[in-house]
Amino acid sequence: MKTTEKIKVELANLKKNGAEYADTRFYHSRETESITFLQGNLKECRSSGTTGIGVRVLYNGAWGFASSSSTENLTAIFDTAFENARAASGRLLFPVKLADRKPLTAEYISPREIDPFDVPITDKLDFLRKIDAQLKHDIVAQRVSYITSDKQEIIFIDTDGSHIEKNVCDIFTGMKVIGVEGDGNSQERSYELGGNGYGTRGWETLVSDDNFSKNADRIVDELSKILVAPHAPKDTRSVILLPGIMFLQTHEVIGHALELDRILGYELSYAGGSFVKLEDFGNLQYGSEKLTVRADGTLPNSPGSYGFDDDGVECQNTVLIEKGILKNAITSRQTVVEANERAGKKIFDKSGGCARASNFNRTPLERMTNINIDPGEDGSLDDIIASTEKGIVLDGARSWSIGSNREQFHFANEIGWLVEDGIKKGVVKNPTYSSDTLPFWRSLSAVGDKSTTELVYVPNCGKGLPSQQMYLGHLIPVCKFDNVTIGK
């Protein structure tokens, strides 16, 4: 009997024994590969493969979970998950209820032309050697480049009759150069390959049209300017954020702040909470009228697009903030029901398809999909600069500090360019900016058109205990914010 048929038998037995609901995520295979070059030398070349199964059981309003890297004794895994649910049911604060959804029989394969795991390792090493040669320069004290690939074949089956098979492949690549100033302080410039949300996401994304390599010369040139640049001023002015920092701004104080489990208090012990309250939905002015934000898992090509979540819900395009007003959250089947009951009214109509686990041995949590900002009507980057009397253009994230409830933030950037009377001036080093969250988003005065948008990949979003690292993306335009404190 096939493993999938055995799983269905075990699920049927759970129902007979009193389980309200159960699901499994069977990782038929998972392959990962990491290659890193440092100073022209191969620092890491590592690959791994694994299989495994995770089982969730809902009994008397409580979850139980068990997992194993072996499927040899499925009955023991299912029995353990059931016993864990029974034990947890006596310690409930809020019984789990799941929002309705239609059971699905479906398949999802992420778009790709060349599977990175079919590419010879010698080709990958040659690729990084060429990148390293481009990064080598007298001003560069340290240079690093990497490729990370991940392919997952997952089968989701539940007691409602869902059977969903996914084959998801992601590839991440980046490079960084570091230089040292005369006083011994270091400066850096980096680039990580992104996209536009469409097309494919295989090996071809690295090598087609020199999408990645053409940025090597640029970051070396920008580093050379940073090393001799004056310090960024300490004052108040407009900040114009390029996608290389705008993605993190969106990620930290919109994405994480709108995860519904945080809003309900479930992440306080590790990742923190949110300043957002249930009564804010439909009422809170989160930003200016120029701000429209989506949780869009339907983009064809992004690490935040995965077809179906780990509740068996199809990925969706959900408006989170519409013309500045908070409308929705990053949700799962469980949290929408609890939130509606706590609020005493219907806030959320359905799950947003955002329950994800990083591996078979982790339980699903609310996770970002692609948290995107709609492009605006304020033109190109040059147009936005031309309309700015006193500003600074910022790119790259060096460090960041976020309030435990996402109520304020401070970002340090790799590079800045001053803007005076509509003209982009020279480079400045060590730029920073900070603000309280809501005043900042309400100061949004310009949103670039589609020509300014870029999909930035995020391979390392951390959340949960035990910790889970998740993949996602942000498709975002250039944005300008007025009267922002910089350099303090």
Protein backbone atom coordinates (compact mmCIF):
# COMPACT_ATOMS: atom_id res chain seq x y z
CA MET A 1 0.00 0.00 0.00
CA LYS A 2 1.29 3.47 -0.91
CA THR A 3 2.23 5.87 1.87
CA THR A 4 -0.60 8.21 0.88
CA GLU A 5 -3.15 5.39 1.14
CA LYS A 6 -1.79 4.43 4.56
CA ILE A 7 -2.13 8.07 5.64
CA LYS A 8 -5.78 8.09 4.62
CA VAL A 9 -6.42 4.93 6.65
CA GLU A 10 -4.79 6.49 9.72
CA LEU A 11 -6.82 9.68 9.30
CA ALA A 12 -10.04 7.65 9.09
CA ASN A 13 -9.07 5.86 12.32
CA LEU A 14 -8.56 9.19 14.07
CA LYS A 15 -12.08 10.25 13.13
CA LYS A 16 -13.47 6.97 14.44
CA ASN A 17 -11.67 7.58 17.74
CA GLY A 18 -13.25 11.01 18.21
CA ALA A 19 -10.93 13.49 16.50
CA GLU A 20 -12.76 16.55 15.21
CA TYR A 21 -10.24 17.08 12.43
CA ALA A 22 -6.75 15.97 11.41
CA ASP A 23 -4.29 16.71 8.64
CA THR A 24 -0.88 15.54 7.50
CA ARG A 25 1.96 17.11 5.57
CA PHE A 26 4.00 14.35 4.00
CA TYR A 27 7.34 15.63 2.70
CA HIS A 28 7.98 13.08 0.00
CA SER A 29 11.34 14.77 -0.48
CA ARG A 30 13.16 17.98 0.34
CA GLU A 31 16.48 18.96 -1.19
CA THR A 32 18.61 21.91 -0.11
CA GLU A 33 21.95 23.19 -1.35
CA SER A 34 24.15 26.09 -0.21
CA ILE A 35 27.28 27.36 -1.94
CA THR A 36 29.27 30.34 -0.63
CA PHE A 37 32.42 32.04 -1.88
CA LEU A 38 34.49 34.23 0.45
CA GLN A 39 37.53 36.15 -0.79
CA GLY A 40 37.66 33.99 -3.91
CA ASN A 41 37.69 30.77 -1.91
CA LEU A 42 34.97 28.17 -1.61
CA LYS A 43 33.77 28.61 1.97
CA GLU A 44 30.75 26.30 1.88
CA CYS A 45 29.36 23.68 -0.47
CA ARG A 46 26.69 21.74 1.32
CA SER A 47 23.65 19.73 0.26
CA SER A 48 21.09 17.70 2.12
CA GLY A 49 17.98 15.65 1.53
CA THR A 50 15.21 14.61 3.84
CA THR A 51 11.76 13.10 4.05
CA GLY A 52 9.26 13.23 6.86
CA ILE A 53 5.70 13.62 8.02
CA GLY A 54 3.89 15.98 10.39
CA VAL A 55 0.47 15.14 11.84
CA ARG A 56 -1.97 17.59 13.43
CA VAL A 57 -5.02 16.39 15.34
CA LEU A 58 -7.85 18.52 16.71
CA TYR A 59 -9.64 16.94 19.68
CA ASN A 60 -12.13 18.63 21.97
CA GLY A 61 -10.90 22.05 20.88
CA ALA A 62 -7.16 21.37 21.27
CA TRP A 63 -4.35 20.67 18.82
CA GLY A 64 -1.96 17.77 19.15
CA PHE A 65 1.08 17.38 16.94
CA ALA A 66 3.67 14.72 16.19
CA SER A 67 6.28 14.29 13.48
CA SER A 68 8.92 11.87 12.28
CA SER A 69 11.56 11.69 9.57
CA SER A 70 10.48 8.08 9.00
CA THR A 71 7.13 6.76 7.79
CA GLU A 72 7.87 3.19 8.85
CA ASN A 73 5.45 3.28 11.79
CA LEU A 74 2.69 5.69 10.82
CA THR A 75 0.30 4.39 13.45
CA ALA A 76 2.66 5.42 16.25
CA ILE A 77 2.97 8.95 14.84
CA PHE A 78 -0.79 9.38 14.49
CA ASP A 79 -1.43 7.90 17.93
CA THR A 80 1.11 10.28 19.50
CA ALA A 81 -0.50 13.30 17.87
CA PHE A 82 -3.93 12.16 19.10
CA GLU A 83 -2.71 11.60 22.67
CA ASN A 84 -1.04 15.02 22.66
CA ALA A 85 -4.36 16.60 21.62
CA ARG A 86 -6.23 14.74 24.36
CA ALA A 87 -3.72 15.92 26.97
CA ALA A 88 -3.89 19.51 25.72
CA SER A 89 -7.69 19.55 25.73
CA GLY A 90 -7.67 19.74 29.53
CA ARG A 91 -5.60 22.94 29.50
CA LEU A 92 -7.46 25.18 27.08
CA LEU A 93 -7.80 28.94 27.32
CA PHE A 94 -9.73 29.26 24.06
CA PRO A 95 -11.02 26.14 22.24
CA VAL A 96 -9.83 25.91 18.65
CA LYS A 97 -12.48 26.20 15.95
CA LEU A 98 -11.74 26.22 12.24
CA ALA A 99 -13.32 28.42 9.61
CA ASP A 100 -15.14 26.60 6.84
CA ARG A 101 -13.41 25.94 3.58
CA LYS A 102 -14.04 23.70 0.60
CA PRO A 103 -11.94 20.49 0.55
CA LEU A 104 -9.67 20.45 -2.49
CA THR A 105 -7.99 17.97 -4.77
CA ALA A 106 -5.29 20.02 -6.43
CA GLU A 107 -1.68 20.33 -7.56
CA TYR A 108 0.77 23.24 -7.54
CA ILE A 109 4.16 23.36 -9.28
CA SER A 110 6.18 26.56 -8.99
CA PRO A 111 7.16 27.91 -12.45
CA ARG A 112 10.70 27.17 -13.57
CA GLU A 113 12.54 26.39 -16.77
CA ILE A 114 15.72 24.91 -15.28
CA ASP A 115 15.61 23.01 -12.01
CA PRO A 116 18.67 24.24 -10.06
CA PHE A 117 19.22 20.70 -8.81
CA ASP A 118 19.71 19.55 -12.41
CA VAL A 119 22.54 22.06 -12.93
CA PRO A 120 26.04 20.54 -12.48
CA ILE A 121 27.83 21.77 -9.39
CA THR A 122 30.76 22.84 -11.59
CA ASP A 123 28.49 25.31 -13.40
CA LYS A 124 27.42 26.83 -10.10
CA LEU A 125 30.99 27.15 -8.90
CA ASP A 126 32.02 28.78 -12.19
CA PHE A 127 29.14 31.22 -11.89
CA LEU A 128 30.19 32.34 -8.40
CA ARG A 129 33.86 32.54 -9.41
CA LYS A 130 32.91 35.01 -12.14
CA ILE A 131 30.89 37.06 -9.68
CA ASP A 132 33.79 37.02 -7.24
CA ALA A 133 36.15 38.26 -9.95
CA GLN A 134 33.83 41.19 -10.62
CA LEU A 135 33.74 42.05 -6.91
CA LYS A 136 37.53 41.98 -6.52
CA HIS A 137 38.90 45.51 -6.24
CA ASP A 138 41.55 47.42 -4.30
CA ILE A 139 38.92 49.11 -2.11
CA VAL A 140 37.17 45.83 -1.26
CA ALA A 141 38.51 44.32 1.95
CA GLN A 142 36.03 41.47 1.98
CA ARG A 143 33.71 40.03 -0.62
CA VAL A 144 31.13 37.27 -0.41
CA SER A 145 28.64 35.69 -2.80
CA TYR A 146 26.27 32.76 -2.41
CA ILE A 147 23.59 30.58 -4.01
CA THR A 148 20.99 28.72 -1.94
CA SER A 149 18.48 26.34 -3.51
CA ASP A 150 15.52 24.55 -1.94
CA LYS A 151 13.04 22.11 -3.51
CA GLN A 152 10.10 20.63 -1.60
CA GLU A 153 7.64 17.93 -2.67
CA ILE A 154 4.77 17.99 -0.18
CA ILE A 155 1.50 16.06 -0.03
CA PHE A 156 -1.28 17.50 2.17
CA ILE A 157 -4.14 15.20 3.15
CA ASP A 158 -6.87 15.83 5.74
CA THR A 159 -9.99 14.27 7.19
CA ASP A 160 -12.23 16.63 5.19
CA GLY A 161 -11.14 14.94 1.96
CA SER A 162 -8.45 17.36 0.75
CA HIS A 163 -5.51 15.97 -1.22
CA ILE A 164 -3.06 18.63 -2.40
CA GLU A 165 0.34 17.92 -3.96
CA LYS A 166 2.95 20.68 -4.21
CA ASN A 167 6.34 20.87 -5.88
CA VAL A 168 7.93 24.18 -4.87
CA CYS A 169 11.43 25.24 -5.87
CA ASP A 170 13.18 28.43 -4.74
CA ILE A 171 16.61 29.85 -5.45
CA PHE A 172 18.26 32.73 -3.63
CA THR A 173 21.51 34.45 -4.49
CA GLY A 174 23.30 37.46 -3.12
CA MET A 175 26.62 39.31 -2.90
CA LYS A 176 28.23 41.81 -0.56
CA VAL A 177 31.37 43.93 -0.57
CA ILE A 178 32.93 45.49 2.53
CA GLY A 179 35.49 48.26 2.65
CA VAL A 180 37.44 49.86 5.50
CA GLU A 181 37.76 53.60 6.07
CA GLY A 182 40.92 55.29 7.29
CA ASP A 183 39.62 55.33 10.86
CA GLY A 184 39.06 51.58 10.78
CA ASN A 185 35.28 51.66 10.47
CA SER A 186 33.74 49.43 7.84
CA GLN A 187 31.17 50.18 5.16
CA GLU A 188 29.26 47.74 3.01
CA ARG A 189 27.12 47.47 -0.10
CA SER A 190 25.06 44.43 -1.03
CA TYR A 191 22.62 43.09 -3.57
CA GLU A 192 20.27 40.10 -3.57
CA LEU A 193 18.53 38.92 -6.70
CA GLY A 194 14.80 39.62 -6.85
CA GLY A 195 12.35 39.85 -9.71
CA ASN A 196 9.08 41.37 -10.85
CA GLY A 197 6.65 38.73 -9.56
CA TYR A 198 6.17 37.09 -12.95
CA GLY A 199 8.09 34.73 -15.20
CA THR A 200 9.91 31.80 -13.63
CA ARG A 201 12.07 31.12 -10.61
CA GLY A 202 14.60 28.48 -11.61
CA TRP A 203 18.32 28.60 -12.40
CA GLU A 204 17.52 30.72 -15.45
CA THR A 205 16.74 33.72 -13.21
CA LEU A 206 20.44 33.93 -12.30
CA VAL A 207 21.93 33.64 -15.75
CA SER A 208 19.33 35.21 -18.08
CA ASP A 209 20.22 38.71 -19.30
CA ASP A 210 22.95 38.96 -16.64
CA ASN A 211 20.20 39.83 -14.13
CA PHE A 212 22.51 39.15 -11.20
CA SER A 213 26.04 39.77 -12.46
CA LYS A 214 25.30 43.25 -13.84
CA ASN A 215 24.88 44.49 -10.27
CA ALA A 216 28.39 43.47 -9.14
CA ASP A 217 30.15 46.44 -10.73
CA ARG A 218 27.45 48.78 -9.42
CA ILE A 219 27.83 47.84 -5.74
CA VAL A 220 31.64 48.09 -5.94
CA ASP A 221 31.33 51.56 -7.47
CA GLU A 222 28.84 52.63 -4.79
CA LEU A 223 31.08 51.28 -2.03
CA SER A 224 33.97 53.38 -3.37
CA LYS A 225 31.78 56.49 -3.04
CA ILE A 226 30.57 55.59 0.45
CA LEU A 227 34.14 55.21 1.74
CA VAL A 228 34.97 58.84 0.94
CA ALA A 229 31.52 60.31 1.53
CA PRO A 230 30.60 62.74 4.34
CA HIS A 231 28.35 61.62 7.16
CA ALA A 232 24.61 61.89 6.60
CA PRO A 233 23.12 64.96 8.31
CA LYS A 234 21.09 64.86 11.50
CA ASP A 235 17.87 66.69 10.79
CA THR A 236 14.29 66.29 9.57
CA ARG A 237 13.54 65.86 5.88
CA SER A 238 11.71 63.70 3.33
CA VAL A 239 13.03 60.17 2.93
CA ILE A 240 12.77 58.44 -0.45
CA LEU A 241 13.06 54.70 0.08
CA LEU A 242 14.26 52.44 -2.73
CA PRO A 243 13.05 48.80 -2.80
CA GLY A 244 16.28 47.62 -1.09
CA ILE A 245 15.09 49.22 2.17
CA MET A 246 11.39 49.75 1.43
CA PHE A 247 10.87 45.98 1.52
CA LEU A 248 12.12 45.81 5.11
CA GLN A 249 10.06 48.83 6.13
CA THR A 250 6.99 47.03 4.81
CA HIS A 251 8.01 43.68 6.28
CA GLU A 252 8.64 44.83 9.83
CA VAL A 253 5.88 47.36 10.55
CA ILE A 254 3.09 46.26 8.24
CA GLY A 255 3.62 42.55 7.62
CA HIS A 256 4.49 41.44 11.13
CA ALA A 257 2.11 43.94 12.72
CA LEU A 258 -0.83 42.46 10.78
CA GLU A 259 -0.26 38.78 11.58
CA LEU A 260 -3.47 37.87 13.38
CA ASP A 261 -1.84 35.49 15.85
CA ARG A 262 0.34 38.39 17.05
CA ILE A 263 -2.73 40.60 17.39
CA LEU A 264 -4.35 37.86 19.50
CA GLY A 265 -1.23 37.67 21.70
CA TYR A 266 0.18 34.31 20.66
CA GLU A 267 3.72 35.46 19.75
CA LEU A 268 4.44 37.63 22.79
CA SER A 269 6.93 35.19 24.31
CA TYR A 270 9.28 35.30 21.34
CA ALA A 271 8.56 37.46 18.30
CA GLY A 272 6.42 40.08 20.03
CA GLY A 273 2.90 41.38 19.63
CA SER A 274 1.19 44.13 17.66
CA PHE A 275 -0.18 47.57 18.45
CA VAL A 276 -3.18 46.73 16.24
CA LYS A 277 -6.44 45.87 18.04
CA LEU A 278 -9.44 43.96 16.74
CA GLU A 279 -11.58 47.09 16.87
CA ASP A 280 -9.14 48.82 14.49
CA PHE A 281 -10.22 46.84 11.43
CA GLY A 282 -12.33 48.99 9.16
CA ASN A 283 -11.53 52.10 11.20
CA LEU A 284 -7.81 52.71 11.74
CA GLN A 285 -6.06 55.16 9.44
CA TYR A 286 -2.83 53.20 9.07
CA GLY A 287 -1.35 55.43 6.39
CA SER A 288 -2.10 58.18 3.92
CA GLU A 289 -4.60 57.72 1.10
CA LYS A 290 -1.71 56.74 -1.17
CA LEU A 291 -1.14 53.48 0.76
CA THR A 292 -2.78 50.27 -0.48
CA VAL A 293 -1.23 47.01 0.74
CA ARG A 294 -1.98 43.41 -0.25
CA ALA A 295 -1.17 39.95 1.03
CA ASP A 296 -0.93 38.39 -2.42
CA GLY A 297 0.04 34.74 -2.60
CA THR A 298 -1.13 34.53 -6.22
CA LEU A 299 1.93 36.09 -7.87
CA PRO A 300 3.28 33.48 -10.32
CA ASN A 301 6.92 33.89 -9.32
CA SER A 302 7.85 34.58 -5.71
CA PRO A 303 9.01 32.68 -2.61
CA GLY A 304 5.76 33.92 -1.05
CA SER A 305 3.67 32.05 -3.64
CA TYR A 306 3.06 28.40 -2.76
CA GLY A 307 -0.33 27.51 -4.23
CA PHE A 308 -2.04 26.31 -1.07
CA ASP A 309 -1.29 26.89 2.60
CA ASP A 310 -0.83 24.25 5.30
CA ASP A 311 -4.51 24.44 6.23
CA GLY A 312 -5.36 23.33 2.70
CA VAL A 313 -6.57 26.82 1.71
CA GLU A 314 -5.78 28.22 -1.74
CA CYS A 315 -3.49 31.26 -1.86
CA GLN A 316 -5.35 34.54 -2.17
CA ASN A 317 -4.93 38.22 -2.97
CA THR A 318 -6.22 39.99 0.15
CA VAL A 319 -6.32 43.77 0.57
CA LEU A 320 -4.86 44.55 4.00
CA ILE A 321 -4.87 48.35 3.81
CA GLU A 322 -6.99 50.25 1.29
CA LYS A 323 -6.24 53.92 0.65
CA GLY A 324 -4.74 54.15 4.13
CA ILE A 325 -7.55 52.38 6.05
CA LEU A 326 -6.89 49.03 7.78
CA LYS A 327 -9.14 46.37 6.26
CA ASN A 328 -7.78 42.89 6.89
CA ALA A 329 -5.02 40.79 8.45
CA ILE A 330 -2.71 37.87 7.70
CA THR A 331 -4.94 34.99 8.80
CA SER A 332 -5.55 31.25 9.10
CA ARG A 333 -8.62 29.07 9.59
CA GLN A 334 -8.12 29.05 13.35
CA THR A 335 -7.47 32.70 14.12
CA VAL A 336 -10.31 34.21 12.08
CA VAL A 337 -12.87 32.28 14.14
CA GLU A 338 -11.25 33.21 17.45
CA ALA A 339 -10.92 36.87 16.46
CA ASN A 340 -14.57 37.11 15.43
CA GLU A 341 -15.72 35.49 18.68
CA ARG A 342 -13.50 37.70 20.83
CA ALA A 343 -14.73 40.81 19.02
CA GLY A 344 -18.36 39.73 19.28
CA LYS A 345 -18.88 40.47 15.61
CA LYS A 346 -17.75 39.29 12.20
CA ILE A 347 -14.51 41.02 11.25
CA PHE A 348 -13.01 38.37 9.00
CA ASP A 349 -15.03 36.50 6.37
CA LYS A 350 -12.61 33.63 5.79
CA SER A 351 -9.03 32.45 6.11
CA GLY A 352 -6.50 34.36 4.03
CA GLY A 353 -4.56 31.17 3.26
CA CYS A 354 -1.55 32.22 5.35
CA ALA A 355 -0.97 29.19 7.62
CA ARG A 356 2.51 27.84 6.88
CA ALA A 357 5.11 25.64 8.50
CA SER A 358 8.78 25.73 7.55
CA ASN A 359 9.17 21.93 7.58
CA PHE A 360 7.37 18.71 8.38
CA ASN A 361 8.47 18.91 12.04
CA ARG A 362 6.92 22.33 12.67
CA THR A 363 3.29 23.37 13.13
CA PRO A 364 1.67 25.96 10.84
CA LEU A 365 1.60 29.60 11.94
CA GLU A 366 0.35 32.82 10.38
CA ARG A 367 3.08 33.78 7.94
CA MET A 368 3.40 36.49 5.35
CA THR A 369 2.85 35.59 1.71
CA ASN A 370 3.85 38.45 -0.60
CA ILE A 371 3.12 41.66 1.28
CA ASN A 372 2.97 44.18 -1.55
CA ILE A 373 2.28 47.88 -1.96
CA ASP A 374 0.30 48.92 -5.01
CA PRO A 375 2.24 51.23 -7.34
CA GLY A 376 1.03 54.82 -7.40
CA GLU A 377 0.65 57.69 -9.81
CA ASP A 378 3.61 59.84 -8.74
CA GLY A 379 5.86 58.86 -11.61
CA SER A 380 9.40 57.54 -11.77
CA LEU A 381 12.16 57.85 -9.20
CA ASP A 382 13.42 60.92 -11.06
CA ASP A 383 9.93 62.44 -10.88
CA ILE A 384 9.75 61.89 -7.13
CA ILE A 385 13.22 63.37 -6.61
CA ALA A 386 12.32 66.39 -8.75
CA SER A 387 9.29 67.08 -6.53
CA THR A 388 11.36 67.00 -3.32
CA GLU A 389 12.71 70.20 -1.85
CA LYS A 390 14.78 68.69 0.96
CA GLY A 391 15.24 64.94 1.15
CA ILE A 392 17.44 61.87 1.14
CA VAL A 393 17.29 58.76 -1.05
CA LEU A 394 18.03 55.60 0.95
CA ASP A 395 18.85 52.01 0.03
CA GLY A 396 20.12 48.86 1.73
CA ALA A 397 19.59 47.67 5.29
CA ARG A 398 22.58 47.57 7.66
CA SER A 399 20.67 47.17 10.92
CA TRP A 400 17.23 47.69 12.37
CA SER A 401 15.46 47.93 15.70
CA ILE A 402 11.71 47.43 16.04
CA GLY A 403 9.39 48.02 19.00
CA SER A 404 8.09 44.81 20.57
CA ASN A 405 4.59 45.66 19.35
CA ARG A 406 5.79 47.20 16.06
CA GLU A 407 4.82 50.64 17.34
CA GLN A 408 8.11 52.29 16.36
CA PHE A 409 11.32 51.55 14.44
CA HIS A 410 14.87 52.65 13.64
CA PHE A 411 16.70 51.65 10.44
CA ALA A 412 20.36 52.10 9.48
CA ASN A 413 21.09 52.08 5.75
CA GLU A 414 24.01 51.16 3.54
CA ILE A 415 23.90 54.28 1.40
CA GLY A 416 22.15 57.63 0.99
CA TRP A 417 22.00 60.41 -1.59
CA LEU A 418 21.00 63.91 -0.49
CA VAL A 419 18.28 65.73 -2.42
CA GLU A 420 18.20 69.54 -2.49
CA ASP A 421 15.70 71.57 -4.51
CA GLY A 422 14.71 68.60 -6.65
CA ILE A 423 18.26 67.58 -7.52
CA LYS A 424 19.99 64.37 -6.39
CA LYS A 425 23.34 65.31 -4.86
CA GLY A 426 26.30 63.23 -3.72
CA VAL A 427 26.50 60.11 -1.58
CA VAL A 428 26.43 60.25 2.23
CA LYS A 429 27.43 57.48 4.61
CA ASN A 430 25.87 56.05 7.77
CA PRO A 431 22.36 57.32 7.10
CA THR A 432 19.61 56.32 9.52
CA TYR A 433 15.95 57.18 9.99
CA SER A 434 13.38 56.51 12.71
CA SER A 435 9.75 57.17 13.57
CA ASP A 436 6.62 55.92 15.27
CA THR A 437 4.79 53.57 12.93
CA LEU A 438 1.46 55.31 12.32
CA PRO A 439 2.76 58.88 11.90
CA PHE A 440 5.32 57.52 9.45
CA TRP A 441 2.86 55.74 7.17
CA ARG A 442 0.45 58.68 7.38
CA SER A 443 3.27 60.91 6.09
CA LEU A 444 3.48 58.90 2.83
CA SER A 445 3.35 61.64 0.18
CA ALA A 446 4.46 59.92 -3.03
CA VAL A 447 4.27 56.36 -4.39
CA GLY A 448 6.21 55.54 -7.53
CA ASP A 449 4.63 54.06 -10.64
CA LYS A 450 5.10 50.51 -11.88
CA SER A 451 8.52 51.36 -13.33
CA THR A 452 9.85 51.77 -9.76
CA THR A 453 8.58 48.41 -8.43
CA GLU A 454 10.74 45.44 -7.58
CA LEU A 455 10.01 42.07 -5.99
CA VAL A 456 12.48 41.59 -3.14
CA TYR A 457 12.95 38.01 -1.92
CA VAL A 458 13.09 37.32 1.83
CA PRO A 459 14.68 33.92 2.61
CA ASN A 460 14.97 34.27 6.38
CA CYS A 461 11.82 35.56 8.11
CA GLY A 462 11.96 34.22 11.66
CA LYS A 463 9.01 33.46 13.91
CA GLY A 464 7.67 30.89 16.38
CA LEU A 465 9.01 28.64 19.11
CA PRO A 466 10.67 26.39 18.05
CA SER A 467 11.96 28.90 15.53
CA GLN A 468 10.86 28.70 11.91
CA GLN A 469 12.60 30.44 8.99
CA MET A 470 10.18 31.22 6.17
CA TYR A 471 10.45 32.35 2.55
CA LEU A 472 8.37 35.22 1.16
CA GLY A 473 8.52 38.32 -1.01
CA HIS A 474 7.62 42.00 -1.22
CA LEU A 475 6.62 43.62 -4.52
CA ILE A 476 7.03 47.30 -3.76
CA PRO A 477 7.53 50.69 -5.45
CA VAL A 478 9.70 53.61 -4.44
CA CYS A 479 7.96 55.60 -1.68
CA LYS A 480 8.49 59.05 -0.18
CA PHE A 481 7.69 60.05 3.41
CA ASP A 482 7.78 63.62 4.69
CA ASN A 483 9.13 65.17 7.91
CA VAL A 484 11.12 62.14 9.03
CA THR A 485 13.92 62.24 11.61
CA ILE A 486 17.24 61.13 10.15
CA GLY A 487 20.67 60.59 11.67
CA LYS A 488 19.50 60.26 15.29
